[in-house]
N, C-alpha and C. Protein backbone atom coordinates (compact mmCIF):
# COMPACT_ATOMS: atom_id res chain seq x y z
N UNK A 1 -7.80 -9.31 45.64
CA UNK A 1 -8.27 -9.83 43.79
C UNK A 1 -6.92 -9.88 43.09
N UNK A 2 -6.23 -10.53 42.26
CA UNK A 2 -4.97 -11.16 41.66
C UNK A 2 -4.88 -9.65 40.78
N UNK A 3 -3.72 -9.79 40.69
CA UNK A 3 -3.53 -8.82 39.16
C UNK A 3 -3.96 -9.19 37.79
N UNK A 4 -3.88 -10.62 37.37
CA UNK A 4 -4.09 -11.00 36.48
C UNK A 4 -5.96 -10.77 36.06
N UNK A 5 -6.74 -11.03 37.08
CA UNK A 5 -8.20 -10.72 37.11
C UNK A 5 -8.21 -9.58 36.66
N UNK A 6 -8.12 -8.17 37.30
CA UNK A 6 -8.25 -7.05 37.14
C UNK A 6 -7.77 -6.41 35.71
N UNK A 7 -6.66 -7.07 35.20
CA UNK A 7 -6.42 -6.86 33.70
C UNK A 7 -7.32 -7.17 32.94
N UNK A 8 -7.70 -8.48 33.05
CA UNK A 8 -8.67 -8.95 32.23
C UNK A 8 -10.21 -8.50 32.31
N UNK A 9 -10.38 -8.05 33.42
CA UNK A 9 -11.37 -7.10 33.43
C UNK A 9 -11.47 -5.84 32.83
N UNK A 10 -10.17 -5.12 33.09
CA UNK A 10 -10.16 -4.09 31.95
C UNK A 10 -10.26 -4.40 30.14
N UNK A 11 -9.93 -5.18 30.18
CA UNK A 11 -9.63 -5.55 28.79
C UNK A 11 -11.01 -5.73 28.27
N UNK A 12 -11.93 -6.76 28.89
CA UNK A 12 -13.39 -6.33 28.26
C UNK A 12 -14.01 -5.40 27.99
N UNK A 13 -13.75 -4.28 28.99
CA UNK A 13 -14.25 -3.14 28.81
C UNK A 13 -13.50 -2.25 27.54
N UNK A 14 -12.56 -2.42 26.81
CA UNK A 14 -11.81 -2.05 26.30
C UNK A 14 -12.55 -1.48 24.57
N UNK A 15 -12.93 -2.65 24.62
CA UNK A 15 -14.34 -3.11 22.78
C UNK A 15 -15.66 -2.41 23.21
N UNK A 16 -15.81 -1.52 22.37
CA UNK A 16 -17.25 -0.82 22.88
C UNK A 16 -18.56 -1.67 22.16
N UNK A 17 -17.88 -1.33 20.97
CA UNK A 17 -18.90 -2.58 19.83
C UNK A 17 -18.35 -2.49 18.41
N UNK A 18 -18.66 -2.93 17.47
CA UNK A 18 -17.63 -3.17 16.06
C UNK A 18 -18.58 -2.36 15.39
N UNK A 19 -18.06 -1.46 14.45
CA UNK A 19 -18.47 -0.76 13.77
C UNK A 19 -18.84 -1.04 12.45
N UNK A 20 -20.24 -1.47 11.80
CA UNK A 20 -20.73 -2.13 10.29
C UNK A 20 -20.96 -0.82 9.85
N UNK A 21 -20.23 -0.51 8.82
CA UNK A 21 -20.27 0.25 7.53
C UNK A 21 -20.09 -0.32 6.20
N UNK A 22 -20.52 0.21 5.35
CA UNK A 22 -19.85 -0.44 3.96
C UNK A 22 -19.00 -0.67 3.77
N UNK A 23 -17.59 0.21 3.98
CA UNK A 23 -16.39 0.78 4.38
C UNK A 23 -15.55 -0.49 5.19
N UNK A 24 -16.24 -0.65 6.14
CA UNK A 24 -15.91 -1.78 7.19
C UNK A 24 -15.95 -3.25 6.82
N UNK A 25 -17.34 -3.64 6.01
CA UNK A 25 -17.68 -4.58 5.70
C UNK A 25 -16.38 -5.07 4.49
N UNK A 26 -15.93 -4.29 3.52
CA UNK A 26 -15.46 -4.76 2.34
C UNK A 26 -13.58 -4.89 3.13
N UNK A 27 -13.43 -4.51 4.25
CA UNK A 27 -11.87 -4.68 4.55
C UNK A 27 -12.12 -5.89 5.60
N UNK A 28 -13.10 -6.97 6.14
CA UNK A 28 -13.30 -8.16 6.39
C UNK A 28 -12.95 -9.15 5.14
N UNK A 29 -12.96 -8.95 4.11
CA UNK A 29 -12.33 -9.86 3.14
C UNK A 29 -10.92 -9.70 3.36
N UNK A 30 -10.16 -8.63 3.73
CA UNK A 30 -8.70 -8.84 4.01
C UNK A 30 -8.78 -9.37 5.24
N UNK A 31 -9.34 -9.72 6.10
CA UNK A 31 -8.99 -9.56 7.74
C UNK A 31 -9.24 -8.53 8.77
N UNK A 32 -9.73 -7.34 8.00
CA UNK A 32 -9.52 -6.26 8.90
C UNK A 32 -10.96 -6.07 9.42
N UNK A 33 -11.26 -5.52 10.77
CA UNK A 33 -12.28 -5.25 11.21
C UNK A 33 -12.10 -4.10 12.15
N UNK A 34 -13.30 -3.64 12.17
CA UNK A 34 -13.03 -2.43 13.15
C UNK A 34 -13.93 -1.82 14.19
N UNK A 35 -13.32 -1.56 15.12
CA UNK A 35 -14.44 -1.44 16.64
C UNK A 35 -14.66 -0.28 17.26
N UNK A 36 -15.40 0.09 17.72
CA UNK A 36 -15.05 1.61 18.52
C UNK A 36 -14.47 1.39 19.95
N UNK A 37 -13.51 1.91 20.23
CA UNK A 37 -12.99 1.49 21.50
C UNK A 37 -12.96 2.90 22.76
N UNK A 38 -12.28 2.42 23.63
CA UNK A 38 -12.08 3.34 25.03
C UNK A 38 -11.10 4.44 24.37
N UNK A 39 -11.41 5.72 24.83
CA UNK A 39 -10.39 6.37 23.96
C UNK A 39 -8.98 6.54 24.50
N UNK A 40 -8.45 5.96 26.03
CA UNK A 40 -7.87 5.96 26.51
C UNK A 40 -6.68 4.48 26.59
N UNK A 41 -7.78 3.42 25.58
CA UNK A 41 -6.88 2.25 24.88
C UNK A 41 -5.77 2.65 24.16
N UNK A 42 -4.49 1.42 24.83
CA UNK A 42 -3.58 1.44 23.53
C UNK A 42 -3.44 0.75 22.75
N UNK A 43 -2.96 0.89 21.82
CA UNK A 43 -2.69 -0.81 20.40
C UNK A 43 -2.58 -2.14 21.49
N UNK A 44 -1.63 -2.06 22.02
CA UNK A 44 -1.60 -3.38 22.81
C UNK A 44 -2.86 -3.89 23.79
N UNK A 45 -3.19 -3.00 24.83
CA UNK A 45 -4.27 -3.39 24.81
C UNK A 45 -5.28 -3.61 24.04
N UNK A 46 -5.92 -3.06 23.02
CA UNK A 46 -6.80 -3.61 22.00
C UNK A 46 -6.30 -4.63 21.69
N UNK A 47 -5.32 -5.17 21.19
CA UNK A 47 -5.12 -6.28 20.21
C UNK A 47 -5.30 -7.31 21.66
N UNK A 48 -4.99 -7.20 23.01
CA UNK A 48 -5.50 -8.30 23.75
C UNK A 48 -6.64 -8.59 24.42
N UNK A 49 -7.30 -7.44 24.06
CA UNK A 49 -8.92 -7.12 24.17
C UNK A 49 -9.61 -8.12 22.76
N UNK A 50 -8.93 -7.85 21.51
CA UNK A 50 -9.53 -8.61 20.66
C UNK A 50 -9.13 -10.12 20.66
N UNK A 51 -7.99 -10.39 21.06
CA UNK A 51 -7.51 -11.76 21.16
C UNK A 51 -8.42 -12.80 22.54
N UNK A 52 -8.99 -11.77 23.41
CA UNK A 52 -10.05 -12.10 24.47
C UNK A 52 -11.02 -12.83 24.16
N UNK A 53 -11.40 -11.56 23.15
CA UNK A 53 -12.87 -11.46 22.79
C UNK A 53 -13.52 -12.53 21.86
N UNK A 54 -12.31 -12.63 20.96
CA UNK A 54 -12.17 -13.85 20.26
C UNK A 54 -11.53 -14.78 19.66
N UNK A 55 -11.37 -15.96 21.27
CA UNK A 55 -10.33 -16.89 21.34
C UNK A 55 -9.82 -17.90 20.17
N UNK A 56 -8.76 -18.26 19.51
CA UNK A 56 -8.41 -18.87 18.78
C UNK A 56 -7.83 -17.94 17.53
N UNK A 57 -7.77 -16.61 17.48
CA UNK A 57 -7.69 -15.83 16.39
C UNK A 57 -6.47 -14.64 16.92
N UNK A 58 -5.40 -14.63 15.97
CA UNK A 58 -3.99 -13.69 16.12
C UNK A 58 -4.06 -12.37 15.87
N UNK A 59 -3.68 -11.42 16.78
CA UNK A 59 -3.60 -10.16 16.16
C UNK A 59 -2.87 -9.87 15.19
N UNK A 60 -2.71 -9.32 14.29
CA UNK A 60 -1.45 -8.95 13.40
C UNK A 60 -1.09 -8.01 13.51
N UNK A 61 -2.24 -6.91 13.24
CA UNK A 61 -1.66 -5.16 13.21
C UNK A 61 -3.05 -4.60 13.84
N UNK A 62 -3.05 -3.39 14.84
CA UNK A 62 -3.81 -2.62 14.78
C UNK A 62 -3.64 -1.39 14.81
N UNK A 63 -4.56 -0.67 14.00
CA UNK A 63 -4.21 0.90 13.50
C UNK A 63 -5.52 1.71 14.13
N UNK A 64 -5.38 2.89 14.77
CA UNK A 64 -6.30 3.29 15.71
C UNK A 64 -6.13 4.63 15.05
N UNK A 65 -7.20 5.35 15.29
CA UNK A 65 -8.34 6.72 14.66
C UNK A 65 -8.74 7.50 15.83
N UNK A 66 -8.53 8.66 16.13
CA UNK A 66 -9.09 9.33 17.12
C UNK A 66 -10.30 10.33 16.17
N UNK A 67 -11.64 10.26 16.31
CA UNK A 67 -12.47 10.75 15.94
C UNK A 67 -13.03 12.21 16.69
N UNK A 68 -12.62 13.68 16.13
CA UNK A 68 -13.00 14.50 17.13
C UNK A 68 -14.49 14.63 16.94
N UNK A 69 -14.76 15.21 18.09
CA UNK A 69 -15.91 15.67 18.04
C UNK A 69 -16.16 17.14 16.44
N UNK A 70 -17.87 17.43 16.47
CA UNK A 70 -17.42 18.25 15.27
C UNK A 70 -18.81 18.54 15.80
N UNK A 71 -19.54 20.15 14.86
CA UNK A 71 -20.84 20.77 15.31
C UNK A 71 -21.85 19.66 14.53
N UNK A 72 -22.76 20.08 14.89
CA UNK A 72 -24.11 19.28 14.06
C UNK A 72 -25.20 20.05 13.92
N UNK A 73 -26.02 20.38 13.44
CA UNK A 73 -26.93 21.25 13.31
C UNK A 73 -28.68 20.16 12.78
N UNK A 74 -29.41 20.61 13.71
CA UNK A 74 -30.75 20.00 13.20
C UNK A 74 -31.90 21.54 13.21
N UNK A 75 -32.00 21.71 11.89
CA UNK A 75 -32.98 23.20 12.13
C UNK A 75 -32.22 24.75 12.84
N UNK A 76 -32.46 25.22 13.47
CA UNK A 76 -32.14 26.12 14.25
C UNK A 76 -31.43 26.02 15.53
N UNK A 77 -31.05 24.54 16.07
CA UNK A 77 -30.54 24.13 17.30
C UNK A 77 -28.84 23.25 16.61
N UNK A 78 -28.01 23.60 17.57
CA UNK A 78 -26.85 23.12 17.17
C UNK A 78 -26.22 22.93 18.49
N UNK A 79 -25.68 21.67 18.15
CA UNK A 79 -25.14 21.46 19.09
C UNK A 79 -23.41 19.90 18.75
N UNK A 80 -22.81 19.64 19.40
CA UNK A 80 -21.69 18.73 19.42
C UNK A 80 -22.22 17.78 19.29
N UNK A 81 -21.41 16.16 18.73
CA UNK A 81 -21.21 15.12 18.53
C UNK A 81 -19.93 14.73 19.40
N UNK A 82 -19.95 13.56 20.28
CA UNK A 82 -19.29 13.41 20.95
C UNK A 82 -18.23 12.42 20.29
N UNK A 83 -16.22 12.86 21.07
CA UNK A 83 -15.53 12.32 20.07
C UNK A 83 -15.23 11.11 20.54
N UNK A 84 -14.65 10.07 19.80
CA UNK A 84 -14.46 8.85 19.92
C UNK A 84 -12.91 8.38 19.38
N UNK A 85 -13.20 7.26 19.52
CA UNK A 85 -11.23 6.65 18.96
C UNK A 85 -12.10 5.15 18.71
N UNK A 86 -11.62 4.59 17.60
CA UNK A 86 -11.61 3.62 16.56
C UNK A 86 -10.48 2.96 16.00
N UNK A 87 -10.68 1.53 16.07
CA UNK A 87 -9.12 0.60 16.00
C UNK A 87 -9.36 0.25 14.63
N UNK A 88 -8.80 -0.18 13.79
CA UNK A 88 -8.86 -1.22 12.39
C UNK A 88 -7.71 -2.16 13.11
N UNK A 89 -8.36 -3.65 13.35
CA UNK A 89 -7.50 -5.02 13.57
C UNK A 89 -7.62 -5.54 12.37
N UNK A 90 -6.16 -6.20 12.25
CA UNK A 90 -5.95 -7.16 11.26
C UNK A 90 -5.80 -8.28 12.04
N UNK A 91 -6.55 -9.23 11.76
CA UNK A 91 -6.84 -10.48 12.16
C UNK A 91 -5.95 -11.84 11.41
N UNK A 92 -5.20 -12.66 11.62
CA UNK A 92 -4.63 -13.56 10.91
C UNK A 92 -5.82 -14.51 11.56
N UNK A 93 -5.71 -15.78 10.49
CA UNK A 93 -6.34 -16.95 10.52
C UNK A 93 -7.74 -16.88 9.97
N UNK A 94 -9.05 -17.75 10.77
CA UNK A 94 -10.52 -18.14 10.34
C UNK A 94 -10.87 -16.51 10.54
N UNK A 95 -11.98 -16.10 9.57
CA UNK A 95 -12.69 -14.89 9.88
C UNK A 95 -13.71 -15.00 11.08
N UNK A 96 -14.08 -13.76 11.81
CA UNK A 96 -14.86 -14.21 12.95
C UNK A 96 -16.43 -13.75 12.36
N UNK A 97 -17.05 -14.79 12.25
CA UNK A 97 -18.39 -15.00 11.81
C UNK A 97 -19.31 -14.23 11.99
N UNK A 98 -19.49 -13.94 14.01
CA UNK A 98 -20.60 -13.23 14.18
C UNK A 98 -20.27 -11.68 13.74
N UNK A 99 -19.51 -10.96 12.88
CA UNK A 99 -19.39 -9.77 12.55
C UNK A 99 -19.52 -9.86 11.25
N UNK A 100 -19.07 -10.83 10.67
CA UNK A 100 -19.59 -10.71 8.55
C UNK A 100 -20.93 -11.04 8.64
N UNK A 101 -21.36 -11.88 9.27
CA UNK A 101 -22.53 -12.19 9.08
C UNK A 101 -22.71 -13.49 8.41
N UNK A 102 -21.77 -14.28 8.20
CA UNK A 102 -21.45 -15.62 7.12
C UNK A 102 -22.07 -16.65 8.02
C-alpha cells in the first residue's frame, strides 16, 4: 500500500460530522463552517480533509476548539459528557450547499 493512499484514508476519518446550530448557520454567510473532528487532528490535516471532502473549495483558515467534558445530571443520577474537538473552517469560493440546505 502506498503512503499517499494511507494518508488519504486517514484524512477521510478526520471529519466526524458537521455541527448544525444557530450560531454555526450564521457563520455560513461568511463562509465559515463548523465540524466535529478527531481530537488528535491538526489544523493542516483538517484543512486537507475539508478540501478532499468538498472538491473545488479552498480552505482559507482553520480555528480549533477543545471542548472538555463536564458533569451532567438527570435527577439523582450524574455522569460526564464526552470531551471533543471542533473546528471552524473558513472557505474561499462557492458555499457548501450540502451544509447550508440551499
